[in-house]
Protein backbone atom coordinates (compact mmCIF):
# COMPACT_ATOMS: atom_id res chain seq x y z
CA UNK A 1 78.38 120.39 74.26
CA UNK A 2 75.89 120.87 77.36
CA UNK A 3 76.66 123.73 79.51
CA UNK A 4 77.29 121.74 82.34
CA UNK A 5 79.97 119.62 80.43
CA UNK A 6 83.69 120.27 80.36
CA UNK A 7 86.07 118.51 77.85
CA UNK A 8 88.68 116.50 79.71
CA UNK A 9 92.19 117.16 78.60
CA UNK A 10 94.12 114.69 76.57
CA UNK A 11 96.71 113.93 79.03
CA UNK A 12 93.81 113.28 81.57
CA UNK A 13 92.08 111.27 79.08
CA UNK A 14 95.10 109.04 78.74
CA UNK A 15 94.95 108.49 82.51
CA UNK A 16 91.39 107.54 82.36
CA UNK A 17 91.79 104.85 79.45
CA UNK A 18 94.82 103.39 81.33
CA UNK A 19 92.69 100.98 83.23
CA UNK A 20 93.34 97.52 82.42
CA UNK A 21 92.50 94.09 83.84
CA UNK A 22 95.81 94.19 86.03
CA UNK A 23 96.31 97.87 87.00
CA UNK A 24 93.73 100.33 87.73
CA UNK A 25 94.46 103.92 87.49
CA UNK A 26 93.68 104.71 91.12
CA UNK A 27 95.76 106.68 93.72
CA UNK A 28 95.15 104.53 97.16
CA UNK A 29 95.97 106.42 100.39
CA UNK A 30 95.35 105.87 104.04
CA UNK A 31 95.03 108.18 106.86
CA UNK A 32 95.72 107.15 110.38
CA UNK A 33 93.69 109.11 112.82
CA UNK A 34 93.87 109.48 117.05
CA UNK A 35 90.99 109.62 118.40
CA UNK A 36 88.41 107.91 116.47
CA UNK A 37 86.86 109.76 113.83
CA UNK A 38 82.91 110.27 113.37
CA UNK A 39 81.21 109.14 110.19
CA UNK A 40 78.85 111.92 109.98
CA UNK A 41 81.06 114.86 110.79
CA UNK A 42 83.53 113.31 107.97
CA UNK A 43 80.68 113.59 105.55
CA UNK A 44 79.91 116.83 106.66
CA UNK A 45 83.44 117.84 106.19
CA UNK A 46 83.73 116.51 102.84
CA UNK A 47 80.44 118.28 101.74
CA UNK A 48 81.95 121.63 103.16
CA UNK A 49 85.33 121.36 101.80
CA UNK A 50 86.10 119.08 99.05
CA UNK A 51 82.90 119.59 97.23
CA UNK A 52 84.13 123.22 96.42
CA UNK A 53 86.42 121.32 94.09
CA UNK A 54 83.92 121.02 91.04
CA UNK A 55 85.39 117.63 90.04
CA UNK A 56 84.57 116.08 92.90
CA UNK A 57 80.94 116.63 91.90
CA UNK A 58 81.54 115.45 88.04
CA UNK A 59 81.30 112.16 86.80
CA UNK A 60 83.02 111.13 83.69
CA UNK A 61 81.21 110.87 80.08
CA UNK A 62 83.04 108.97 77.50
CA UNK A 63 82.39 110.14 73.66
CA UNK A 64 83.83 110.03 70.29
CA UNK A 65 86.46 112.62 71.15
CA UNK A 66 87.57 111.39 74.43
CA UNK A 67 85.75 112.13 77.67
CA UNK A 68 83.68 115.00 79.07
CA UNK A 69 83.28 116.35 82.76
CA UNK A 70 79.47 116.21 83.44
CA UNK A 71 78.20 117.57 86.92
CA UNK A 72 76.20 114.33 88.72
CA UNK A 73 72.88 115.94 89.19
CA UNK A 74 72.20 112.62 91.36
CA UNK A 75 75.20 113.04 93.46
CA UNK A 76 74.84 111.60 97.05
CA UNK A 77 77.81 111.86 99.45
CA UNK A 78 76.78 108.86 101.42
CA UNK A 79 77.96 107.00 98.04
CA UNK A 80 81.18 108.42 98.35
CA UNK A 81 82.10 108.47 102.09
CA UNK A 82 81.22 104.76 103.15
CA UNK A 83 81.74 103.00 106.55
CA UNK A 84 84.10 99.81 106.07
CA UNK A 85 84.16 97.22 108.49
CA UNK A 86 87.85 95.74 109.22
CA UNK A 87 87.80 91.71 109.08
CA UNK A 88 90.62 90.11 110.82
CA UNK A 89 91.62 86.54 109.93
CA UNK A 90 92.85 84.31 112.78
CA UNK A 91 96.23 85.34 113.78
CA UNK A 92 96.36 88.37 111.90
CA UNK A 93 96.97 92.04 113.37
CA UNK A 94 95.09 95.24 112.34
CA UNK A 95 97.98 96.52 110.92
CA UNK A 96 98.05 93.21 108.48
CA UNK A 97 93.83 93.49 107.98
CA UNK A 98 94.15 97.14 106.92
CA UNK A 99 96.86 96.08 104.52
CA UNK A 100 94.83 93.38 102.98
CA UNK A 101 91.74 95.82 102.76
CA UNK A 102 93.76 98.46 100.83
CA UNK A 103 95.07 95.78 98.54
CA UNK A 104 91.52 94.63 97.86
CA UNK A 105 90.41 98.14 97.35
CA UNK A 106 93.15 98.70 94.97
CA UNK A 107 91.59 96.30 92.40
CA UNK A 108 87.95 97.23 93.07
CA UNK A 109 87.02 99.68 90.38
CA UNK A 110 85.19 102.74 90.92
CA UNK A 111 81.83 103.23 89.77
CA UNK A 112 82.06 104.57 86.28
CA UNK A 113 78.38 106.25 86.70
CA UNK A 114 79.70 108.39 89.62
CA UNK A 115 82.30 110.77 90.38
CA UNK A 116 85.44 108.89 90.35
CA UNK A 117 86.36 109.07 94.37
CA UNK A 118 85.56 106.91 97.38
CA UNK A 119 86.51 107.52 101.35
CA UNK A 120 86.50 104.42 103.23
CA UNK A 121 86.14 105.00 107.08
CA UNK A 122 87.08 102.06 109.40
CA UNK A 123 85.61 103.75 112.55
CA UNK A 124 87.65 101.34 114.71
CA UNK A 125 91.47 100.74 114.39
CA UNK A 126 94.07 100.84 116.68
CA UNK A 127 92.27 102.68 119.06
CA UNK A 128 91.30 105.34 116.82
CA UNK A 129 90.39 105.00 113.02
CA UNK A 130 91.66 104.66 109.59
CA UNK A 131 90.47 106.47 106.38
CA UNK A 132 91.22 104.97 103.06
CA UNK A 133 90.89 107.29 100.15
CA UNK A 134 90.75 106.17 96.60
CA UNK A 135 90.80 109.02 93.76
CA UNK A 136 90.89 107.98 89.84
CA UNK A 137 94.35 109.26 88.27
CA UNK A 138 92.59 111.39 85.61
CA UNK A 139 90.98 113.85 88.60
CA UNK A 140 94.72 114.78 89.18
CA UNK A 141 98.33 113.72 90.04
CA UNK A 142 99.90 113.28 93.32
CA UNK A 143 100.68 116.99 93.81
CA UNK A 144 97.36 118.20 93.14
CA UNK A 145 95.92 115.57 95.46
CA UNK A 146 98.27 116.56 98.40
CA UNK A 147 96.74 120.36 97.76
CA UNK A 148 93.36 118.66 98.17
CA UNK A 149 94.02 116.66 101.16
CA UNK A 150 95.13 119.91 102.75
CA UNK A 151 92.02 121.74 102.18
CA UNK A 152 89.86 119.23 103.81
CA UNK A 153 91.95 119.27 106.90
CA UNK A 154 91.03 121.55 110.42
CA UNK A 155 92.09 125.13 109.32
CA UNK A 156 92.78 123.89 105.83
CA UNK A 157 92.67 126.58 103.23
CA UNK A 158 89.72 126.86 100.65
CA UNK A 159 90.53 126.54 96.76
CA UNK A 160 90.48 129.70 94.98
CA UNK A 161 87.61 130.15 92.47
CA UNK A 162 88.15 128.53 89.29
CA UNK A 163 87.08 129.81 86.23
CA UNK A 164 85.95 127.72 83.00
CA UNK A 165 87.53 128.04 79.81
CA UNK A 166 85.87 130.07 77.48
CA UNK A 167 85.20 128.49 74.14
CA UNK A 168 88.03 131.30 72.40
CA UNK A 169 90.63 129.76 74.71
CA UNK A 170 89.50 126.20 73.81
CA UNK A 171 90.82 123.56 76.13
CA UNK A 172 93.67 125.27 78.45
CA UNK A 173 94.92 122.01 79.80
CA UNK A 174 96.16 121.07 76.38
CA UNK A 175 98.47 123.89 75.58
CA UNK A 176 101.56 122.12 76.72
CA UNK A 177 100.80 119.05 74.82
CA UNK A 178 99.91 121.12 71.58
CA UNK A 179 103.37 122.95 71.97
CA UNK A 180 105.34 119.77 72.60
CA UNK A 181 104.17 117.30 70.26
CA UNK A 182 104.76 119.60 67.35
CA UNK A 183 107.89 118.49 65.52
CA UNK A 184 110.77 120.75 66.71
CA UNK A 185 109.73 123.87 65.40
CA UNK A 186 111.43 127.22 66.33
CA UNK A 187 108.36 128.04 68.65
CA UNK A 188 108.86 124.64 70.72
CA UNK A 189 112.58 124.78 71.09
CA UNK A 190 112.98 128.76 71.51
CA UNK A 191 110.13 128.47 74.44
CA UNK A 192 112.16 125.87 76.59
CA UNK A 193 113.78 127.68 79.39
CA UNK A 194 117.18 126.05 79.55
CA UNK A 195 118.28 128.00 82.82
CA UNK A 196 116.56 125.28 85.14
CA UNK A 197 115.55 122.10 83.70
CA UNK A 198 114.30 119.12 85.36
CA UNK A 199 114.40 120.21 89.11
CA UNK A 200 111.56 121.70 90.94
CA UNK A 201 110.59 125.45 89.71
CA UNK A 202 113.19 125.17 86.90
CA UNK A 203 111.04 122.92 85.02
CA UNK A 204 107.59 124.70 86.09
CA UNK A 205 109.33 127.87 84.18
CA UNK A 206 109.95 125.55 81.24
CA UNK A 207 106.44 124.71 81.31
CA UNK A 208 105.28 128.57 81.73
CA UNK A 209 107.60 129.56 78.89
CA UNK A 210 105.68 126.89 76.43
CA UNK A 211 102.69 128.66 76.89
CA UNK A 212 104.38 131.65 75.81
CA UNK A 213 106.49 130.94 72.77
CA UNK A 214 106.89 135.05 72.04
CA UNK A 215 109.87 134.60 74.54
CA UNK A 216 112.78 133.78 72.29
CA UNK A 217 116.14 132.55 72.97
CA UNK A 218 119.25 133.40 71.23
CA UNK A 219 120.15 131.19 68.06
CA UNK A 220 123.02 129.40 69.82
CA UNK A 221 120.81 128.47 72.89
CA UNK A 222 118.16 127.54 70.31
CA UNK A 223 120.29 125.06 68.41
CA UNK A 224 122.03 123.91 71.66
CA UNK A 225 118.52 123.02 73.16
CA UNK A 226 117.35 121.26 69.83
CA UNK A 227 120.34 119.09 70.15
CA UNK A 228 119.57 118.15 73.50
CA UNK A 229 115.88 117.28 72.71
CA UNK A 230 116.76 115.18 69.77
CA UNK A 231 119.19 113.43 71.89
CA UNK A 232 116.45 112.82 74.31
CA UNK A 233 114.00 111.56 71.64
CA UNK A 234 116.50 109.29 70.58
CA UNK A 235 117.27 107.85 74.43
CA UNK A 236 113.58 107.06 75.06
CA UNK A 237 112.86 105.19 71.58
CA UNK A 238 116.52 103.13 72.01
CA UNK A 239 116.16 102.39 75.74
CA UNK A 240 116.95 98.77 76.40
CA UNK A 241 114.31 96.43 78.18
CA UNK A 242 114.81 96.35 81.70
CA UNK A 243 116.85 93.75 83.56
CA UNK A 244 114.77 90.33 84.25
CA UNK A 245 113.97 90.02 87.79
CA UNK A 246 111.43 88.22 89.77
CA UNK A 247 109.76 91.39 89.90
CA UNK A 248 109.48 91.81 86.15
CA UNK A 249 106.57 89.75 84.54
CA UNK A 250 103.00 89.56 83.87
CA UNK A 251 100.60 90.83 86.80
CA UNK A 252 97.91 88.72 87.85
CA UNK A 253 95.85 91.79 89.03
CA UNK A 254 95.73 91.06 92.87
CA UNK A 255 97.69 93.79 94.80
CA UNK A 256 99.39 93.78 98.01
CA UNK A 257 100.32 96.82 99.94
CA UNK A 258 102.79 97.43 102.91
CA UNK A 259 104.43 100.58 104.53
CA UNK A 260 107.17 101.20 107.18
CA UNK A 261 107.18 103.24 110.37
CA UNK A 262 108.75 106.55 109.51
CA UNK A 263 112.44 107.09 109.29
CA UNK A 264 113.44 110.64 110.88
CA UNK A 265 113.80 113.15 108.22
CA UNK A 266 116.79 115.08 110.07
CA UNK A 267 118.90 111.88 110.16
CA UNK A 268 118.03 111.60 106.42
CA UNK A 269 119.31 115.18 105.89
CA UNK A 270 122.33 114.54 107.99
CA UNK A 271 123.43 111.63 106.02
CA UNK A 272 122.89 113.83 102.93
CA UNK A 273 125.10 116.72 104.02
CA UNK A 274 127.86 114.10 105.43
CA UNK A 275 127.67 112.28 101.97
CA UNK A 276 127.23 115.41 99.89
CA UNK A 277 124.11 113.90 98.58
CA UNK A 278 120.73 114.87 98.19
CA UNK A 279 117.91 113.64 100.56
CA UNK A 280 116.23 111.91 97.16
CA UNK A 281 119.80 109.98 96.69
CA UNK A 282 119.74 108.92 100.44
CA UNK A 283 116.33 107.82 100.15
CA UNK A 284 116.67 106.13 96.31
CA UNK A 285 119.68 104.52 97.37
CA UNK A 286 117.87 102.84 100.18
CA UNK A 287 115.19 101.49 97.82
CA UNK A 288 117.72 100.04 95.65
CA UNK A 289 119.31 98.46 98.64
CA UNK A 290 116.15 97.14 100.05
CA UNK A 291 115.15 95.57 96.69
CA UNK A 292 118.48 94.15 95.94
CA UNK A 293 118.99 92.52 99.44
CA UNK A 294 115.15 91.09 99.14
CA UNK A 295 116.54 89.40 95.82
CA UNK A 296 119.57 88.23 97.51
CA UNK A 297 117.34 86.45 100.27
CA UNK A 298 115.69 84.58 97.72
CA UNK A 299 118.43 83.26 96.22
CA UNK A 300 118.32 85.56 93.35
CA UNK A 301 121.81 87.21 92.10
CA UNK A 302 121.29 90.95 91.29
CA UNK A 303 125.05 91.42 90.79
CA UNK A 304 125.78 93.87 87.87
CA UNK A 305 121.86 94.26 87.48
CA UNK A 306 119.87 97.81 87.57
CA UNK A 307 116.11 98.14 87.34
CA UNK A 308 114.30 101.05 85.91
CA UNK A 309 111.83 102.77 87.66
CA UNK A 310 109.75 105.69 86.12
CA UNK A 311 109.87 108.75 88.12
CA UNK A 312 107.18 111.58 87.88
CA UNK A 313 108.47 115.08 87.57
CA UNK A 314 106.35 117.96 88.33
CA UNK A 315 105.66 120.34 85.45
CA UNK A 316 103.78 123.08 87.21
CA UNK A 317 104.37 125.64 89.73
CA UNK A 318 103.25 124.47 93.21
CA UNK A 319 100.90 127.50 93.66
CA UNK A 320 98.70 126.08 90.89
CA UNK A 321 98.38 122.46 92.17
CA UNK A 322 94.48 123.11 93.23
CA UNK A 323 93.63 123.32 89.67
CA UNK A 324 94.12 119.65 89.61
CA UNK A 325 94.51 117.57 86.11
CA UNK A 326 97.68 115.85 85.55
CA UNK A 327 100.75 117.84 84.80
CA UNK A 328 103.86 115.86 85.15
CA UNK A 329 106.37 114.11 82.90
CA UNK A 330 108.34 110.72 83.79
CA UNK A 331 111.83 110.31 83.99
CA UNK A 332 113.44 107.02 84.02
CA UNK A 333 115.61 106.28 86.63
CA UNK A 334 117.96 103.20 86.84
CA UNK A 335 118.24 101.71 90.46
CA UNK A 336 121.69 100.15 91.25
CA UNK A 337 120.01 96.82 93.00
CA UNK A 338 123.37 94.94 92.03
CA UNK A 339 125.62 97.24 94.20
CA UNK A 340 125.81 95.76 97.80
CA UNK A 341 128.12 98.63 99.39
CA UNK A 342 125.74 101.50 100.54
CA UNK A 343 128.35 104.03 99.93
CA UNK A 344 128.97 102.85 96.13
CA UNK A 345 125.19 102.79 95.68
CA UNK A 346 124.44 106.14 96.94
CA UNK A 347 126.97 107.66 94.63
CA UNK A 348 125.81 105.65 91.80
CA UNK A 349 122.29 106.98 92.52
CA UNK A 350 123.37 110.54 92.51
CA UNK A 351 125.13 109.82 89.24
CA UNK A 352 122.14 108.84 87.80
CA UNK A 353 120.16 111.77 88.77
CA UNK A 354 122.82 114.10 87.57
CA UNK A 355 122.35 112.47 84.20
CA UNK A 356 118.67 113.30 84.17
CA UNK A 357 118.74 117.17 85.54
CA UNK A 358 119.81 118.02 81.57
CA UNK A 359 117.12 115.85 80.10
CA UNK A 360 114.03 116.83 78.36
CA UNK A 361 112.86 113.44 78.60
CA UNK A 362 109.87 114.37 81.24
CA UNK A 363 108.34 116.81 78.60
CA UNK A 364 108.68 114.26 76.08
CA UNK A 365 107.05 111.45 78.10
CA UNK A 366 104.25 114.01 78.83
CA UNK A 367 104.08 114.62 75.12
CA UNK A 368 103.68 110.68 74.70
CA UNK A 369 100.92 110.68 77.10
CA UNK A 370 99.17 113.56 75.25
CA UNK A 371 99.25 111.95 71.97
CA UNK A 372 98.15 108.64 73.67
CA UNK A 373 94.90 110.45 75.02
CA UNK A 374 94.02 111.03 71.37
CA UNK A 375 94.16 107.50 70.33
CA UNK A 376 91.55 104.60 70.50
CA UNK A 377 92.23 102.28 73.50
CA UNK A 378 94.12 99.46 71.84
CA UNK A 379 96.61 101.80 69.94
CA UNK A 380 96.94 103.66 73.22
CA UNK A 381 97.76 100.26 75.33
CA UNK A 382 100.28 99.50 72.81
CA UNK A 383 102.22 102.96 73.19
CA UNK A 384 101.80 102.68 77.14
CA UNK A 385 103.09 98.83 77.14
CA UNK A 386 106.36 100.29 75.39
CA UNK A 387 107.01 102.18 78.90
CA UNK A 388 106.27 98.57 80.65
CA UNK A 389 108.68 97.06 78.94
CA UNK A 390 111.62 99.68 79.67
CA UNK A 391 110.54 99.49 83.75
CA UNK A 392 110.11 97.25 86.64
CA UNK A 393 108.37 100.04 88.79
CA UNK A 394 106.84 103.32 89.00
CA UNK A 395 108.18 105.19 91.78
CA UNK A 396 107.22 108.68 93.17
CA UNK A 397 108.26 111.12 95.87
CA UNK A 398 105.99 113.41 97.61
CA UNK A 399 106.70 116.39 99.95
CA UNK A 400 103.99 116.16 102.81
CA UNK A 401 103.21 118.87 105.55
CA UNK A 402 106.17 119.37 107.76
CA UNK A 403 103.40 119.71 110.83
CA UNK A 404 100.82 117.22 111.91
CA UNK A 405 97.51 117.69 110.70
CA UNK A 406 94.05 117.17 112.11
CA UNK A 407 90.68 116.25 110.54
CA UNK A 408 87.67 116.82 112.43
CA UNK A 409 89.79 117.29 115.48
CA UNK A 410 91.38 113.74 115.00
CA UNK A 411 95.34 113.90 114.59
CA UNK A 412 96.51 112.19 111.56
CA UNK A 413 99.26 110.38 113.16
CA UNK A 414 100.38 108.69 110.08
CA UNK A 415 99.80 108.82 106.37
CA UNK A 416 100.90 106.63 103.21
CA UNK A 417 99.63 106.44 99.80
CA UNK A 418 100.18 104.07 96.78
CA UNK A 419 101.17 105.21 93.17
CA UNK A 420 99.13 102.96 90.37
CA UNK A 421 101.37 101.14 88.08
CA UNK A 422 100.69 101.34 83.87
CA UNK A 423 100.29 98.55 81.53
CA UNK A 424 102.12 95.27 82.99
CA UNK A 425 104.48 97.00 85.63
CA UNK A 426 103.46 95.43 88.87
CA UNK A 427 105.38 97.44 91.34
CA UNK A 428 104.61 100.88 92.57
CA UNK A 429 107.05 102.71 95.14
CA UNK A 430 105.98 105.76 97.19
CA UNK A 431 108.12 108.11 99.53
CA UNK A 432 106.26 110.54 101.51
CA UNK A 433 107.52 112.82 104.27
CA UNK A 434 105.23 114.07 106.90
CA UNK A 435 105.42 115.78 110.02
CA UNK A 436 109.35 115.42 110.51
CA UNK A 437 109.55 111.63 109.21
CA UNK A 438 109.86 109.96 105.92
CA UNK A 439 107.85 106.44 105.05
CA UNK A 440 108.24 104.18 102.28
CA UNK A 441 105.19 102.72 100.70
CA UNK A 442 104.72 99.71 98.33
CA UNK A 443 102.14 98.09 96.36
CA UNK A 444 102.91 95.00 94.08
CA UNK A 445 101.34 92.20 92.37
CA UNK A 446 100.27 89.11 94.08
CA UNK A 447 101.93 87.06 90.71
CA UNK A 448 105.22 88.79 91.23
CA UNK A 449 105.64 89.84 95.03
CA UNK A 450 103.28 88.48 97.24
CA UNK A 451 104.80 89.90 100.39
CA UNK A 452 105.88 93.27 99.74
CA UNK A 453 106.40 93.82 103.60
CA UNK A 454 109.79 91.36 103.04
CA UNK A 455 110.79 94.43 100.81
CA UNK A 456 109.65 97.41 103.11
CA UNK A 457 111.51 95.92 106.32
CA UNK A 458 114.92 96.05 104.73
CA UNK A 459 114.68 99.98 104.38
CA UNK A 460 115.47 100.58 107.98
CA UNK A 461 118.52 98.30 107.86
CA UNK A 462 119.78 100.07 104.57
CA UNK A 463 119.04 103.52 106.10
CA UNK A 464 121.12 102.39 109.29
CA UNK A 465 123.93 101.28 107.38
CA UNK A 466 124.35 104.98 105.70
CA UNK A 467 123.72 106.37 108.96
CA UNK A 468 126.40 104.59 110.64
CA UNK A 469 128.88 105.52 107.73
CA UNK A 470 127.95 109.01 108.17
CA UNK A 471 128.56 109.06 111.92
CA UNK A 472 132.02 107.52 111.57
CA UNK A 473 133.08 110.61 109.23
CA UNK A 474 135.68 112.92 110.56
CA UNK A 475 133.79 115.81 112.25
CA UNK A 476 134.14 119.26 111.31
C-alpha cells in the first residue's frame, strides 16, 4: 500500500458501496445565514479549518479488498466550494426554490475522482445566504459531522492531531466489527457492559469494553447477556415486513425535501416533564401523528397500523466524534401511526423506546454492516435490502449547539440536514435541536411522497395538541 494511502474500515466501505440508482449515501444539509456570506472568505475558512481533517483532502480508491483513502495531489478548493445560483420558477418562493435545489443535489453524485464532499453557496437568499453541504456517508456519521461543522464556525475548536494506525495495530476502525461478528464467544459476551445499554454513554462504554476483552463479567451476568444477544439475533432475523402504506414501495430516485420552523425546545421539555416522557418520546410521537394524519387526509386508513423506522444509535464517546468514520448501530423503532389520540400515542412511543433500551440490536446491526463491507456489491445489496423490507423510513435525532453559531461573521439563523436512506427505503426523517429550537426535516422520493411539506406542516398541530393537554394538567 502506498505511504499516502490508508485502508478504509469495513463499515465505512459498506456505506461507500451503498449508493444505488435511487438512493445516494450523502448527508445533505443547509445553513441559512445572515448577513450574506462572501465566497472568497468561505473558501479561506474551509481551507484553514476543514482541511485540517485529513479525510477532506483524500479521495477514495476502490480495490479488491474494499477501498483506500488516498491523498488527492490535485486538490482544488474551488472544485469543492462552488457558487450556486437559485433559480425560481414562476410563483415559487425562495424557500421553495431552495428546497428544489436541495432535492436535486441529493440525487447528484459526487465526483468519485475527488474527495467526496462539496459546499454549494447561494450568495443571495432571503436577504442573506444559504449554504448547502453534501458529504458522503463513508466519511462520517451525523455525530462526527456535527463535530466537523462546529470546527469551521467562528471560534470553533481545531481537531486534535490524528495519528495513523501502525501496521502492528492494523485497521483500528474494525476492532468493533471483529469482536461483534465472531460467534457468541466468551470474549464477545464477557466484554459487553450490561450496566448502561442502548443510551448515550452506556452504549459508548459497551463499545469501549469490546476493545478490552480482558475485562470479564461474572458467569451469571455472562449467561444473561448471552441469552439477551441470542434473543436479539432472533428478533432481527424474524422481524416481519413493514405495514404497507403509500410511503412504502419502489423509489424513482427523484428527491424532495422539506423542513419546518423551529419548535421551542423549552416547550418540548415542559410536555415531557408533564407527561413523564422523554424529549424523544414527545418528538417521535409528533412524527407518528403527522404521518398518520397525512395518510388520513389522503383517504388512507392507518388504524391499527405502525411503520418501522431504523434509528441510528451512537456507539462512541462524543469526545471522539472528531475522528470521523461511522460508529453507530441501527435500532428498529415502530411508530404508531394508527393511534390518533395524542396522549395514547406518546405513551405507546415511550413503551416502544423502553423495549429497545435493553437491546443489543444496534450492535448487531453494526456487525451486519461490517460483514456487508466485506462482500461484493450484489451480496451487500441483498443483505441491505433485508433492512429495507422491514422499514419504511430512516430517522435520526441529532443534538446541535444550544447557542447560535456564526460563520465568517454571518449568523447561522437556521440549520437542517437530511439523512440518506439505504436500499429501497424512500423516506428519511431528521430531528435537529439548535439554538433553543427543534426542527423536523423530511426527504422523500417523488414516487412515494411528492409533497413532503404536507407532512411537515402537520408536526406543529400534533405538537400543539400535546402542549394543550399538558397545560390542562393540574398544577403542582
